[in-house]
Amino acid sequence: MAGQGNSMRAIFFALGANFAIFVAKLAAALITGSGAMLAEAVHSLADCGNQGLLLLGIHQAKRPISPDYPLGYGKAVYFWSFLVALMLFSVGGMFSLYEGIHKLNSDEPLRSPWVAIGVLIFGIIVESISMRACMIEVNKSRGGRSLWQWFRQSRQAELVVIFGEDLAALLGLVFALFAVSMAMLTGNPVWDAIGTLAIGVLLIVVAIFISIEVKAMLIGQSVDSDTRKDMRSYLEERDEVAEVYNLLTLQLGNDVMVSVKARMQGETSALGMINQINTVEREFRARFPDVRFSFFEPDVTDGKAEPH
């Protein structure tokens, strides 16, 4: 079973990198008049706000349970992660498309393109450091899965968002560097417009993929399939459990709710069966520490079992 990456570490690395890059990009955009550079500056500023929203979501997810929220606030991080995806789509992607279309109709040449190139190279270096920090945490949680499999199966919404943001930021910087370099070499500002449009399309595509994954978590996903198989195997191997009829799981941010329906063995008295269940639940939580809520129903028949 894969572990979990440190989302907070990845977020703070991304926040520091994006703020430094935003200041540098904005200065370069004002000096050069580059649309691609301005689009990148807005993108970095939006990313700073996005990281703030993710930190807010993580903070809210830690609020204690209440009568109105008996399963806690863990899914709050999904809401804020989904909002980040929307901001990446609108503030980043749509603004870049608008700026690119505007630049297509403008013949204004770039001013001081070497300044823009220097800032973009600086941004690529800083963003690579942030991406490396993110990948360290991603690798902790993905186990032997490919990056694509991890992205589709991960239940850490904030880490999925940071990975998508860092990837989009790094590729966007490369696009901008290419666009500004071609505009400088050819003297044709259309390259700058093309670069700006490419950044817009990139951000929109990444935002759509992120929103699809986070939406599934927001609606209510189970734990990932590998963890669910491990949980079922663990229960089936217990001496106290004769047969597992049903195992339902629900991911609640970093917490997990588990509901088990099983036939017990070796005990006929009610008190003995209660002690068996308490032992299984206690050791089950020790084996799977993310499980915060567990409900165990003993039975002697399958009934109408849900799909495993």
Foldseek 3Di string as FASTA:
>chain_A
DFDFFDLVQLLVLLLVLLVVLLVLLVVQCVQWVFLLSVLLNQLSVLSNVLSVLLVVQVVQQPDDADPVRNPGQLLSSLVSLLVSLVCLLPRRQVVLLVSLVVLQPDFDATGPLVSVLVSLVVSLVSLVVSLVSLVVRLCRGQPPDDPVVCLQQPLQLSSNSSNLSSVLSNVLSVLQNVLSVVCVVVVGNNSSSVSSNVSSVSSNVSSVSSNVRSVVLSVWDFHGPVVVVVLLVVQCPDLQFPFWLEWTWTDRNLAIEIETETATDDDDDPVVNVVVVVVCVVVSCVVVVRYDHYHYHYDDDNPDYDDD
